Amino acid sequence: NEARQKFNKIRPHTLGQASRISGVNPSDVQILMVYMGR
């Protein structure tokens, strides 16, 4: 839930930026990466 809130608020431009957002875990980035890969 925290990652979803942070992503919606900050609207990262890249996966790299998403990975550096405070409160976002590596697993959240992996989920995002897998979904985008699909």
Full PDB file with SEQRES, HELIX, SHEET, SSBOND, CRYST1, ORIGX, SCALE, CONECT and MASTER records, all heavy atoms in Angstrom:
SEQRES   1 A   38  ASN GLU ALA ARG GLN LYS PHE ASN LYS ILE ARG PRO HIS          
SEQRES   2 A   38  THR LEU GLY GLN ALA SER ARG ILE SER GLY VAL ASN PRO          
SEQRES   3 A   38  SER ASP VAL GLN ILE LEU MET VAL TYR MET GLY ARG              
HELIX    1 AA1 GLU A    2  ILE A   10  1                                   9    
HELIX    2 AA2 LEU A   15  SER A   19  1                                   5    
HELIX    3 AA3 PRO A   26  GLY A   37  1                                  12    
CRYST1    1.000    1.000    1.000  90.00  90.00  90.00 P 1           1          
ORIGX1      1.000000  0.000000  0.000000        0.00000                         
ORIGX2      0.000000  1.000000  0.000000        0.00000                         
ORIGX3      0.000000  0.000000  1.000000        0.00000                         
SCALE1      1.000000  0.000000  0.000000        0.00000                         
SCALE2      0.000000  1.000000  0.000000        0.00000                         
SCALE3      0.000000  0.000000  1.000000        0.00000                         
ATOM      1  N   ASN A   1       0.830  -1.212   0.000  1.00  0.00           N  
ATOM      2  CA  ASN A   1       0.000   0.000   0.000  1.00  0.00           C  
ATOM      3  C   ASN A   1       0.861   1.257   0.000  1.00  0.00           C  
ATOM      4  O   ASN A   1       0.542   2.240  -0.667  1.00  0.00           O  
ATOM      5  CB  ASN A   1      -0.925   0.003   1.227  1.00  0.00           C  
ATOM      6  CG  ASN A   1      -2.060  -0.996   1.081  1.00  0.00           C  
ATOM      7  OD1 ASN A   1      -2.500  -1.286  -0.035  1.00  0.00           O  
ATOM      8  ND2 ASN A   1      -2.530  -1.534   2.193  1.00  0.00           N  
ATOM      9  N   GLU A   2       1.976   1.226   0.758  1.00  0.00           N  
ATOM     10  CA  GLU A   2       2.841   2.393   0.826  1.00  0.00           C  
ATOM     11  C   GLU A   2       3.457   2.693  -0.532  1.00  0.00           C  
ATOM     12  O   GLU A   2       3.499   3.855  -0.972  1.00  0.00           O  
ATOM     13  CB  GLU A   2       3.943   2.200   1.866  1.00  0.00           C  
ATOM     14  CG  GLU A   2       4.834   3.425   2.029  1.00  0.00           C  
ATOM     15  CD  GLU A   2       5.895   3.263   3.108  1.00  0.00           C  
ATOM     16  OE1 GLU A   2       6.039   2.139   3.638  1.00  0.00           O  
ATOM     17  OE2 GLU A   2       6.582   4.257   3.407  1.00  0.00           O  
ATOM     18  N   ALA A   3       3.920   1.643  -1.221  1.00  0.00           N  
ATOM     19  CA  ALA A   3       4.527   1.839  -2.539  1.00  0.00           C  
ATOM     20  C   ALA A   3       3.509   2.403  -3.519  1.00  0.00           C  
ATOM     21  O   ALA A   3       3.817   3.317  -4.296  1.00  0.00           O  
ATOM     22  CB  ALA A   3       5.092   0.525  -3.065  1.00  0.00           C  
ATOM     23  N   ARG A   4       2.282   1.876  -3.469  1.00  0.00           N  
ATOM     24  CA  ARG A   4       1.248   2.358  -4.393  1.00  0.00           C  
ATOM     25  C   ARG A   4       0.968   3.842  -4.151  1.00  0.00           C  
ATOM     26  O   ARG A   4       0.842   4.632  -5.087  1.00  0.00           O  
ATOM     27  CB  ARG A   4      -0.023   1.529  -4.220  1.00  0.00           C  
ATOM     28  CG  ARG A   4      -1.069   1.797  -5.303  1.00  0.00           C  
ATOM     29  CD  ARG A   4      -2.306   0.928  -5.137  1.00  0.00           C  
ATOM     30  NE  ARG A   4      -1.983  -0.488  -5.323  1.00  0.00           N  
ATOM     31  CZ  ARG A   4      -1.953  -1.381  -4.325  1.00  0.00           C  
ATOM     32  NH1 ARG A   4      -2.205  -1.004  -3.101  1.00  0.00           N  
ATOM     33  NH2 ARG A   4      -1.645  -2.630  -4.564  1.00  0.00           N  
ATOM     34  N   GLN A   5       0.881   4.224  -2.873  1.00  0.00           N  
ATOM     35  CA  GLN A   5       0.630   5.625  -2.531  1.00  0.00           C  
ATOM     36  C   GLN A   5       1.781   6.515  -3.000  1.00  0.00           C  
ATOM     37  O   GLN A   5       1.562   7.597  -3.560  1.00  0.00           O  
ATOM     38  CB  GLN A   5       0.438   5.774  -1.015  1.00  0.00           C  
ATOM     39  CG  GLN A   5      -0.854   5.153  -0.498  1.00  0.00           C  
ATOM     40  CD  GLN A   5      -0.924   5.154   1.016  1.00  0.00           C  
ATOM     41  OE1 GLN A   5      -0.038   5.677   1.704  1.00  0.00           O  
ATOM     42  NE2 GLN A   5      -1.971   4.546   1.558  1.00  0.00           N  
ATOM     43  N   LYS A   6       3.012   6.062  -2.763  1.00  0.00           N  
ATOM     44  CA  LYS A   6       4.178   6.859  -3.149  1.00  0.00           C  
ATOM     45  C   LYS A   6       4.275   6.986  -4.669  1.00  0.00           C  
ATOM     46  O   LYS A   6       4.576   8.055  -5.201  1.00  0.00           O  
ATOM     47  CB  LYS A   6       5.461   6.222  -2.593  1.00  0.00           C  
ATOM     48  CG  LYS A   6       5.578   6.253  -1.067  1.00  0.00           C  
ATOM     49  CD  LYS A   6       5.869   7.639  -0.564  1.00  0.00           C  
ATOM     50  CE  LYS A   6       5.980   7.711   0.940  1.00  0.00           C  
ATOM     51  NZ  LYS A   6       7.132   6.991   1.489  1.00  0.00           N  
ATOM     52  N   PHE A   7       4.033   5.888  -5.389  1.00  0.00           N  
ATOM     53  CA  PHE A   7       4.098   5.936  -6.854  1.00  0.00           C  
ATOM     54  C   PHE A   7       3.044   6.889  -7.422  1.00  0.00           C  
ATOM     55  O   PHE A   7       3.315   7.662  -8.343  1.00  0.00           O  
ATOM     56  CB  PHE A   7       3.890   4.536  -7.445  1.00  0.00           C  
ATOM     57  CG  PHE A   7       5.043   3.591  -7.239  1.00  0.00           C  
ATOM     58  CD1 PHE A   7       4.852   2.220  -7.230  1.00  0.00           C  
ATOM     59  CD2 PHE A   7       6.336   4.076  -7.053  1.00  0.00           C  
ATOM     60  CE1 PHE A   7       5.914   1.345  -7.047  1.00  0.00           C  
ATOM     61  CE2 PHE A   7       7.408   3.207  -6.875  1.00  0.00           C  
ATOM     62  CZ  PHE A   7       7.195   1.841  -6.863  1.00  0.00           C  
ATOM     63  N   ASN A   8       1.841   6.840  -6.858  1.00  0.00           N  
ATOM     64  CA  ASN A   8       0.778   7.721  -7.342  1.00  0.00           C  
ATOM     65  C   ASN A   8       1.075   9.187  -7.048  1.00  0.00           C  
ATOM     66  O   ASN A   8       0.707  10.074  -7.818  1.00  0.00           O  
ATOM     67  CB  ASN A   8      -0.566   7.327  -6.708  1.00  0.00           C  
ATOM     68  CG  ASN A   8      -1.222   6.157  -7.427  1.00  0.00           C  
ATOM     69  OD1 ASN A   8      -1.194   6.093  -8.660  1.00  0.00           O  
ATOM     70  ND2 ASN A   8      -1.788   5.228  -6.684  1.00  0.00           N  
ATOM     71  N   LYS A   9       1.761   9.438  -5.934  1.00  0.00           N  
ATOM     72  CA  LYS A   9       2.061  10.815  -5.537  1.00  0.00           C  
ATOM     73  C   LYS A   9       3.226  11.388  -6.341  1.00  0.00           C  
ATOM     74  O   LYS A   9       3.156  12.499  -6.866  1.00  0.00           O  
ATOM     75  CB  LYS A   9       2.374  10.863  -4.046  1.00  0.00           C  
ATOM     76  CG  LYS A   9       2.699  12.249  -3.522  1.00  0.00           C  
ATOM     77  CD  LYS A   9       2.954  12.214  -2.026  1.00  0.00           C  
ATOM     78  CE  LYS A   9       3.255  13.619  -1.489  1.00  0.00           C  
ATOM     79  NZ  LYS A   9       3.503  13.603  -0.018  1.00  0.00           N  
ATOM     80  N   ILE A  10       4.305  10.618  -6.457  1.00  0.00           N  
ATOM     81  CA  ILE A  10       5.527  11.125  -7.082  1.00  0.00           C  
ATOM     82  C   ILE A  10       5.534  10.905  -8.593  1.00  0.00           C  
ATOM     83  O   ILE A  10       6.135  11.684  -9.336  1.00  0.00           O  
ATOM     84  CB  ILE A  10       6.764  10.476  -6.409  1.00  0.00           C  
ATOM     85  CG1 ILE A  10       6.819  10.915  -4.934  1.00  0.00           C  
ATOM     86  CG2 ILE A  10       8.055  10.827  -7.132  1.00  0.00           C  
ATOM     87  CD1 ILE A  10       7.891  10.239  -4.120  1.00  0.00           C  
ATOM     88  N   ARG A  11       4.817   9.872  -9.066  1.00  0.00           N  
ATOM     89  CA  ARG A  11       4.764   9.556 -10.489  1.00  0.00           C  
ATOM     90  C   ARG A  11       6.167   9.428 -11.075  1.00  0.00           C  
ATOM     91  O   ARG A  11       6.613  10.236 -11.897  1.00  0.00           O  
ATOM     92  CB  ARG A  11       3.987  10.623 -11.279  1.00  0.00           C  
ATOM     93  CG  ARG A  11       2.615  10.978 -10.752  1.00  0.00           C  
ATOM     94  CD  ARG A  11       1.646   9.821 -10.740  1.00  0.00           C  
ATOM     95  NE  ARG A  11       1.446   9.226 -12.052  1.00  0.00           N  
ATOM     96  CZ  ARG A  11       0.653   8.161 -12.277  1.00  0.00           C  
ATOM     97  NH1 ARG A  11       0.014   7.593 -11.252  1.00  0.00           N  
ATOM     98  NH2 ARG A  11       0.515   7.671 -13.473  1.00  0.00           N  
ATOM     99  N   PRO A  12       6.940   8.414 -10.658  1.00  0.00           N  
ATOM    100  CA  PRO A  12       8.316   8.267 -11.153  1.00  0.00           C  
ATOM    101  C   PRO A  12       8.354   8.084 -12.665  1.00  0.00           C  
ATOM    102  O   PRO A  12       7.476   7.450 -13.254  1.00  0.00           O  
ATOM    103  CB  PRO A  12       8.812   7.006 -10.426  1.00  0.00           C  
ATOM    104  CG  PRO A  12       7.576   6.249 -10.065  1.00  0.00           C  
ATOM    105  CD  PRO A  12       6.542   7.297  -9.778  1.00  0.00           C  
ATOM    106  N   HIS A  13       9.396   8.640 -13.276  1.00  0.00           N  
ATOM    107  CA  HIS A  13       9.543   8.570 -14.733  1.00  0.00           C  
ATOM    108  C   HIS A  13      10.209   7.282 -15.192  1.00  0.00           C  
ATOM    109  O   HIS A  13      10.009   6.843 -16.316  1.00  0.00           O  
ATOM    110  CB  HIS A  13      10.355   9.765 -15.241  1.00  0.00           C  
ATOM    111  CG  HIS A  13       9.666  11.077 -15.030  1.00  0.00           C  
ATOM    112  ND1 HIS A  13       8.460  11.385 -15.594  1.00  0.00           N  
ATOM    113  CD2 HIS A  13      10.021  12.160 -14.291  1.00  0.00           C  
ATOM    114  CE1 HIS A  13       8.090  12.606 -15.234  1.00  0.00           C  
ATOM    115  NE2 HIS A  13       9.013  13.096 -14.439  1.00  0.00           N  
ATOM    116  N   THR A  14      11.052   6.709 -14.318  1.00  0.00           N  
ATOM    117  CA  THR A  14      11.789   5.492 -14.683  1.00  0.00           C  
ATOM    118  C   THR A  14      11.778   4.510 -13.514  1.00  0.00           C  
ATOM    119  O   THR A  14      11.481   4.878 -12.375  1.00  0.00           O  
ATOM    120  CB  THR A  14      13.246   5.809 -15.043  1.00  0.00           C  
ATOM    121  OG1 THR A  14      13.925   6.253 -13.852  1.00  0.00           O  
ATOM    122  CG2 THR A  14      13.340   6.874 -16.121  1.00  0.00           C  
ATOM    123  N   LEU A  15      12.141   3.268 -13.810  1.00  0.00           N  
ATOM    124  CA  LEU A  15      12.262   2.268 -12.745  1.00  0.00           C  
ATOM    125  C   LEU A  15      13.375   2.644 -11.776  1.00  0.00           C  
ATOM    126  O   LEU A  15      13.296   2.369 -10.580  1.00  0.00           O  
ATOM    127  CB  LEU A  15      12.541   0.887 -13.353  1.00  0.00           C  
ATOM    128  CG  LEU A  15      11.314   0.065 -13.751  1.00  0.00           C  
ATOM    129  CD1 LEU A  15      11.747  -1.230 -14.412  1.00  0.00           C  
ATOM    130  CD2 LEU A  15      10.436  -0.223 -12.546  1.00  0.00           C  
ATOM    131  N   GLY A  16      14.432   3.271 -12.302  1.00  0.00           N  
ATOM    132  CA  GLY A  16      15.513   3.714 -11.427  1.00  0.00           C  
ATOM    133  C   GLY A  16      15.017   4.702 -10.401  1.00  0.00           C  
ATOM    134  O   GLY A  16      15.331   4.599  -9.211  1.00  0.00           O  
ATOM    135  N   GLN A  17      14.228   5.687 -10.844  1.00  0.00           N  
ATOM    136  CA  GLN A  17      13.676   6.653  -9.907  1.00  0.00           C  
ATOM    137  C   GLN A  17      12.741   5.961  -8.925  1.00  0.00           C  
ATOM    138  O   GLN A  17      12.765   6.243  -7.716  1.00  0.00           O  
ATOM    139  CB  GLN A  17      12.918   7.755 -10.652  1.00  0.00           C  
ATOM    140  CG  GLN A  17      12.378   8.838  -9.723  1.00  0.00           C  
ATOM    141  CD  GLN A  17      11.439   9.818 -10.398  1.00  0.00           C  
ATOM    142  OE1 GLN A  17      11.277   9.784 -11.612  1.00  0.00           O  
ATOM    143  NE2 GLN A  17      10.818  10.674  -9.613  1.00  0.00           N  
ATOM    144  N   ALA A  18      11.912   5.050  -9.396  1.00  0.00           N  
ATOM    145  CA  ALA A  18      10.985   4.326  -8.518  1.00  0.00           C  
ATOM    146  C   ALA A  18      11.726   3.582  -7.413  1.00  0.00           C  
ATOM    147  O   ALA A  18      11.272   3.533  -6.269  1.00  0.00           O  
ATOM    148  CB  ALA A  18      10.147   3.348  -9.348  1.00  0.00           C  
ATOM    149  N   SER A  19      12.897   3.032  -7.756  1.00  0.00           N  
ATOM    150  CA  SER A  19      13.659   2.248  -6.773  1.00  0.00           C  
ATOM    151  C   SER A  19      14.238   3.111  -5.661  1.00  0.00           C  
ATOM    152  O   SER A  19      14.602   2.594  -4.599  1.00  0.00           O  
ATOM    153  CB  SER A  19      14.794   1.489  -7.478  1.00  0.00           C  
ATOM    154  OG  SER A  19      15.799   2.386  -7.924  1.00  0.00           O  
ATOM    155  N   ARG A  20      14.346   4.436  -5.881  1.00  0.00           N  
ATOM    156  CA  ARG A  20      14.963   5.315  -4.882  1.00  0.00           C  
ATOM    157  C   ARG A  20      13.950   6.053  -4.019  1.00  0.00           C  
ATOM    158  O   ARG A  20      14.333   6.838  -3.154  1.00  0.00           O  
ATOM    159  CB  ARG A  20      15.881   6.327  -5.586  1.00  0.00           C  
ATOM    160  CG  ARG A  20      17.072   5.690  -6.282  1.00  0.00           C  
ATOM    161  CD  ARG A  20      18.067   6.739  -6.753  1.00  0.00           C  
ATOM    162  NE  ARG A  20      17.505   7.627  -7.754  1.00  0.00           N  
ATOM    163  CZ  ARG A  20      17.459   7.364  -9.054  1.00  0.00           C  
ATOM    164  NH1 ARG A  20      17.923   6.213  -9.512  1.00  0.00           N  
ATOM    165  NH2 ARG A  20      16.936   8.234  -9.918  1.00  0.00           N  
ATOM    166  N   ILE A  21      12.674   5.820  -4.246  1.00  0.00           N  
ATOM    167  CA  ILE A  21      11.655   6.519  -3.464  1.00  0.00           C  
ATOM    168  C   ILE A  21      11.623   5.948  -2.053  1.00  0.00           C  
ATOM    169  O   ILE A  21      11.591   4.729  -1.851  1.00  0.00           O  
ATOM    170  CB  ILE A  21      10.277   6.398  -4.140  1.00  0.00           C  
ATOM    171  CG1 ILE A  21      10.295   7.124  -5.485  1.00  0.00           C  
ATOM    172  CG2 ILE A  21       9.172   6.959  -3.238  1.00  0.00           C  
ATOM    173  CD1 ILE A  21       9.028   6.944  -6.299  1.00  0.00           C  
ATOM    174  N   SER A  22      11.641   6.836  -1.068  1.00  0.00           N  
ATOM    175  CA  SER A  22      11.622   6.413   0.328  1.00  0.00           C  
ATOM    176  C   SER A  22      10.358   5.605   0.619  1.00  0.00           C  
ATOM    177  O   SER A  22       9.251   6.006   0.267  1.00  0.00           O  
ATOM    178  CB  SER A  22      11.664   7.647   1.235  1.00  0.00           C  
ATOM    179  OG  SER A  22      11.616   7.280   2.586  1.00  0.00           O  
ATOM    180  N   GLY A  23      10.540   4.443   1.261  1.00  0.00           N  
ATOM    181  CA  GLY A  23       9.400   3.593   1.607  1.00  0.00           C  
ATOM    182  C   GLY A  23       9.095   2.523   0.580  1.00  0.00           C  
ATOM    183  O   GLY A  23       8.247   1.658   0.816  1.00  0.00           O  
ATOM    184  N   VAL A  24       9.771   2.566  -0.571  1.00  0.00           N  
ATOM    185  CA  VAL A  24       9.571   1.560  -1.614  1.00  0.00           C  
ATOM    186  C   VAL A  24      10.595   0.445  -1.426  1.00  0.00           C  
ATOM    187  O   VAL A  24      11.796   0.702  -1.347  1.00  0.00           O  
ATOM    188  CB  VAL A  24       9.708   2.191  -3.015  1.00  0.00           C  
ATOM    189  CG1 VAL A  24       9.705   1.122  -4.096  1.00  0.00           C  
ATOM    190  CG2 VAL A  24       8.584   3.199  -3.244  1.00  0.00           C  
ATOM    191  N   ASN A  25      10.117  -0.793  -1.371  1.00  0.00           N  
ATOM    192  CA  ASN A  25      10.995  -1.944  -1.160  1.00  0.00           C  
ATOM    193  C   ASN A  25      11.458  -2.538  -2.492  1.00  0.00           C  
ATOM    194  O   ASN A  25      10.793  -2.356  -3.521  1.00  0.00           O  
ATOM    195  CB  ASN A  25      10.253  -3.031  -0.369  1.00  0.00           C  
ATOM    196  CG  ASN A  25       9.855  -2.554   1.015  1.00  0.00           C  
ATOM    197  OD1 ASN A  25      10.644  -1.922   1.707  1.00  0.00           O  
ATOM    198  ND2 ASN A  25       8.622  -2.852   1.406  1.00  0.00           N  
ATOM    199  N   PRO A  26      12.590  -3.265  -2.477  1.00  0.00           N  
ATOM    200  CA  PRO A  26      13.043  -3.928  -3.710  1.00  0.00           C  
ATOM    201  C   PRO A  26      11.978  -4.827  -4.331  1.00  0.00           C  
ATOM    202  O   PRO A  26      11.890  -4.931  -5.560  1.00  0.00           O  
ATOM    203  CB  PRO A  26      14.264  -4.735  -3.238  1.00  0.00           C  
ATOM    204  CG  PRO A  26      14.777  -3.971  -2.052  1.00  0.00           C  
ATOM    205  CD  PRO A  26      13.562  -3.417  -1.382  1.00  0.00           C  
ATOM    206  N   SER A  27      11.153  -5.470  -3.487  1.00  0.00           N  
ATOM    207  CA  SER A  27      10.106  -6.347  -4.024  1.00  0.00           C  
ATOM    208  C   SER A  27       9.074  -5.554  -4.819  1.00  0.00           C  
ATOM    209  O   SER A  27       8.536  -6.044  -5.823  1.00  0.00           O  
ATOM    210  CB  SER A  27       9.415  -7.102  -2.875  1.00  0.00           C  
ATOM    211  OG  SER A  27       8.861  -6.187  -1.942  1.00  0.00           O  
ATOM    212  N   ASP A  28       8.804  -4.314  -4.388  1.00  0.00           N  
ATOM    213  CA  ASP A  28       7.869  -3.463  -5.134  1.00  0.00           C  
ATOM    214  C   ASP A  28       8.422  -3.143  -6.522  1.00  0.00           C  
ATOM    215  O   ASP A  28       7.678  -3.123  -7.510  1.00  0.00           O  
ATOM    216  CB  ASP A  28       7.615  -2.163  -4.367  1.00  0.00           C  
ATOM    217  CG  ASP A  28       6.917  -2.377  -3.040  1.00  0.00           C  
ATOM    218  OD1 ASP A  28       5.973  -3.186  -2.998  1.00  0.00           O  
ATOM    219  OD2 ASP A  28       7.324  -1.748  -2.045  1.00  0.00           O  
ATOM    220  N   VAL A  29       9.728  -2.884  -6.565  1.00  0.00           N  
ATOM    221  CA  VAL A  29      10.365  -2.580  -7.848  1.00  0.00           C  
ATOM    222  C   VAL A  29      10.342  -3.812  -8.750  1.00  0.00           C  
ATOM    223  O   VAL A  29      10.105  -3.709  -9.959  1.00  0.00           O  
ATOM    224  CB  VAL A  29      11.815  -2.080  -7.637  1.00  0.00           C  
ATOM    225  CG1 VAL A  29      12.483  -1.788  -8.976  1.00  0.00           C  
ATOM    226  CG2 VAL A  29      11.819  -0.837  -6.767  1.00  0.00           C  
ATOM    227  N   GLN A  30      10.571  -4.981  -8.162  1.00  0.00           N  
ATOM    228  CA  GLN A  30      10.532  -6.222  -8.946  1.00  0.00           C  
ATOM    229  C   GLN A  30       9.141  -6.452  -9.538  1.00  0.00           C  
ATOM    230  O   GLN A  30       9.001  -6.832 -10.709  1.00  0.00           O  
ATOM    231  CB  GLN A  30      10.919  -7.412  -8.047  1.00  0.00           C  
ATOM    232  CG  GLN A  30      12.366  -7.433  -7.617  1.00  0.00           C  
ATOM    233  CD  GLN A  30      13.313  -7.791  -8.753  1.00  0.00           C  
ATOM    234  OE1 GLN A  30      12.893  -8.332  -9.773  1.00  0.00           O  
ATOM    235  NE2 GLN A  30      14.596  -7.485  -8.579  1.00  0.00           N  
ATOM    236  N   ILE A  31       8.108  -6.191  -8.743  1.00  0.00           N  
ATOM    237  CA  ILE A  31       6.729  -6.352  -9.234  1.00  0.00           C  
ATOM    238  C   ILE A  31       6.483  -5.408 -10.401  1.00  0.00           C  
ATOM    239  O   ILE A  31       5.916  -5.794 -11.430  1.00  0.00           O  
ATOM    240  CB  ILE A  31       5.733  -6.084  -8.086  1.00  0.00           C  
ATOM    241  CG1 ILE A  31       5.829  -7.201  -7.043  1.00  0.00           C  
ATOM    242  CG2 ILE A  31       4.305  -5.961  -8.611  1.00  0.00           C  
ATOM    243  CD1 ILE A  31       5.135  -6.872  -5.744  1.00  0.00           C  
ATOM    244  N   LEU A  32       6.926  -4.176 -10.245  1.00  0.00           N  
ATOM    245  CA  LEU A  32       6.758  -3.179 -11.304  1.00  0.00           C  
ATOM    246  C   LEU A  32       7.524  -3.584 -12.558  1.00  0.00           C  
ATOM    247  O   LEU A  32       7.027  -3.464 -13.683  1.00  0.00           O  
ATOM    248  CB  LEU A  32       7.254  -1.820 -10.788  1.00  0.00           C  
ATOM    249  CG  LEU A  32       6.898  -0.570 -11.588  1.00  0.00           C  
ATOM    250  CD1 LEU A  32       5.386  -0.445 -11.744  1.00  0.00           C  
ATOM    251  CD2 LEU A  32       7.453   0.660 -10.886  1.00  0.00           C  
ATOM    252  N   MET A  33       8.720  -4.107 -12.360  1.00  0.00           N  
ATOM    253  CA  MET A  33       9.559  -4.519 -13.484  1.00  0.00           C  
ATOM    254  C   MET A  33       8.918  -5.685 -14.245  1.00  0.00           C  
ATOM    255  O   MET A  33       8.880  -5.698 -15.486  1.00  0.00           O  
ATOM    256  CB  MET A  33      10.937  -4.927 -12.971  1.00  0.00           C  
ATOM    257  CG  MET A  33      11.972  -5.195 -14.062  1.00  0.00           C  
ATOM    258  SD  MET A  33      13.552  -5.755 -13.385  1.00  0.00           S  
ATOM    259  CE  MET A  33      13.989  -4.383 -12.324  1.00  0.00           C  
ATOM    260  N   VAL A  34       8.391  -6.654 -13.505  1.00  0.00           N  
ATOM    261  CA  VAL A  34       7.755  -7.817 -14.146  1.00  0.00           C  
ATOM    262  C   VAL A  34       6.531  -7.383 -14.938  1.00  0.00           C  
ATOM    263  O   VAL A  34       6.320  -7.802 -16.089  1.00  0.00           O  
ATOM    264  CB  VAL A  34       7.363  -8.861 -13.068  1.00  0.00           C  
ATOM    265  CG1 VAL A  34       6.467  -9.938 -13.679  1.00  0.00           C  
ATOM    266  CG2 VAL A  34       8.609  -9.491 -12.471  1.00  0.00           C  
ATOM    267  N   TYR A  35       5.714  -6.519 -14.341  1.00  0.00           N  
ATOM    268  CA  TYR A  35       4.497  -6.069 -15.019  1.00  0.00           C  
ATOM    269  C   TYR A  35       4.836  -5.310 -16.299  1.00  0.00           C  
ATOM    270  O   TYR A  35       4.209  -5.515 -17.345  1.00  0.00           O  
ATOM    271  CB  TYR A  35       3.675  -5.183 -14.081  1.00  0.00           C  
ATOM    272  CG  TYR A  35       2.310  -4.840 -14.633  1.00  0.00           C  
ATOM    273  CD1 TYR A  35       1.226  -5.686 -14.417  1.00  0.00           C  
ATOM    274  CD2 TYR A  35       2.122  -3.691 -15.388  1.00  0.00           C  
ATOM    275  CE1 TYR A  35      -0.022  -5.387 -14.926  1.00  0.00           C  
ATOM    276  CE2 TYR A  35       0.880  -3.380 -15.908  1.00  0.00           C  
ATOM    277  CZ  TYR A  35      -0.198  -4.222 -15.677  1.00  0.00           C  
ATOM    278  OH  TYR A  35      -1.428  -3.920 -16.189  1.00  0.00           O  
ATOM    279  N   MET A  36       5.834  -4.438 -16.217  1.00  0.00           N  
ATOM    280  CA  MET A  36       6.231  -3.659 -17.394  1.00  0.00           C  
ATOM    281  C   MET A  36       6.830  -4.575 -18.451  1.00  0.00           C  
ATOM    282  O   MET A  36       6.662  -4.355 -19.655  1.00  0.00           O  
ATOM    283  CB  MET A  36       7.222  -2.569 -16.997  1.00  0.00           C  
ATOM    284  CG  MET A  36       6.574  -1.427 -16.227  1.00  0.00           C  
ATOM    285  SD  MET A  36       7.758  -0.126 -15.848  1.00  0.00           S  
ATOM    286  CE  MET A  36       8.155   0.437 -17.498  1.00  0.00           C  
ATOM    287  N   GLY A  37       7.547  -5.621 -18.000  1.00  0.00           N  
ATOM    288  CA  GLY A  37       8.115  -6.580 -18.941  1.00  0.00           C  
ATOM    289  C   GLY A  37       7.040  -7.293 -19.732  1.00  0.00           C  
ATOM    290  O   GLY A  37       7.201  -7.608 -20.912  1.00  0.00           O  
ATOM    291  N   ARG A  38       5.902  -7.554 -19.085  1.00  0.00           N  
ATOM    292  CA  ARG A  38       4.791  -8.183 -19.785  1.00  0.00           C  
ATOM    293  C   ARG A  38       4.174  -7.257 -20.815  1.00  0.00           C  
ATOM    294  O   ARG A  38       3.609  -7.687 -21.801  1.00  0.00           O  
ATOM    295  CB  ARG A  38       3.721  -8.598 -18.756  1.00  0.00           C  
ATOM    296  CG  ARG A  38       4.171  -9.751 -17.866  1.00  0.00           C  
ATOM    297  CD  ARG A  38       3.115 -10.010 -16.796  1.00  0.00           C  
ATOM    298  NE  ARG A  38       3.512 -11.078 -15.887  1.00  0.00           N  
ATOM    299  CZ  ARG A  38       2.874 -11.372 -14.767  1.00  0.00           C  
ATOM    300  NH1 ARG A  38       1.811 -10.659 -14.408  1.00  0.00           N  
ATOM    301  NH2 ARG A  38       3.275 -12.344 -14.006  1.00  0.00           N  
TER     302      ARG A  38                                                      
MASTER        0    0    0    3    0    0    0    6  301    1    0    3          
END                                                                             
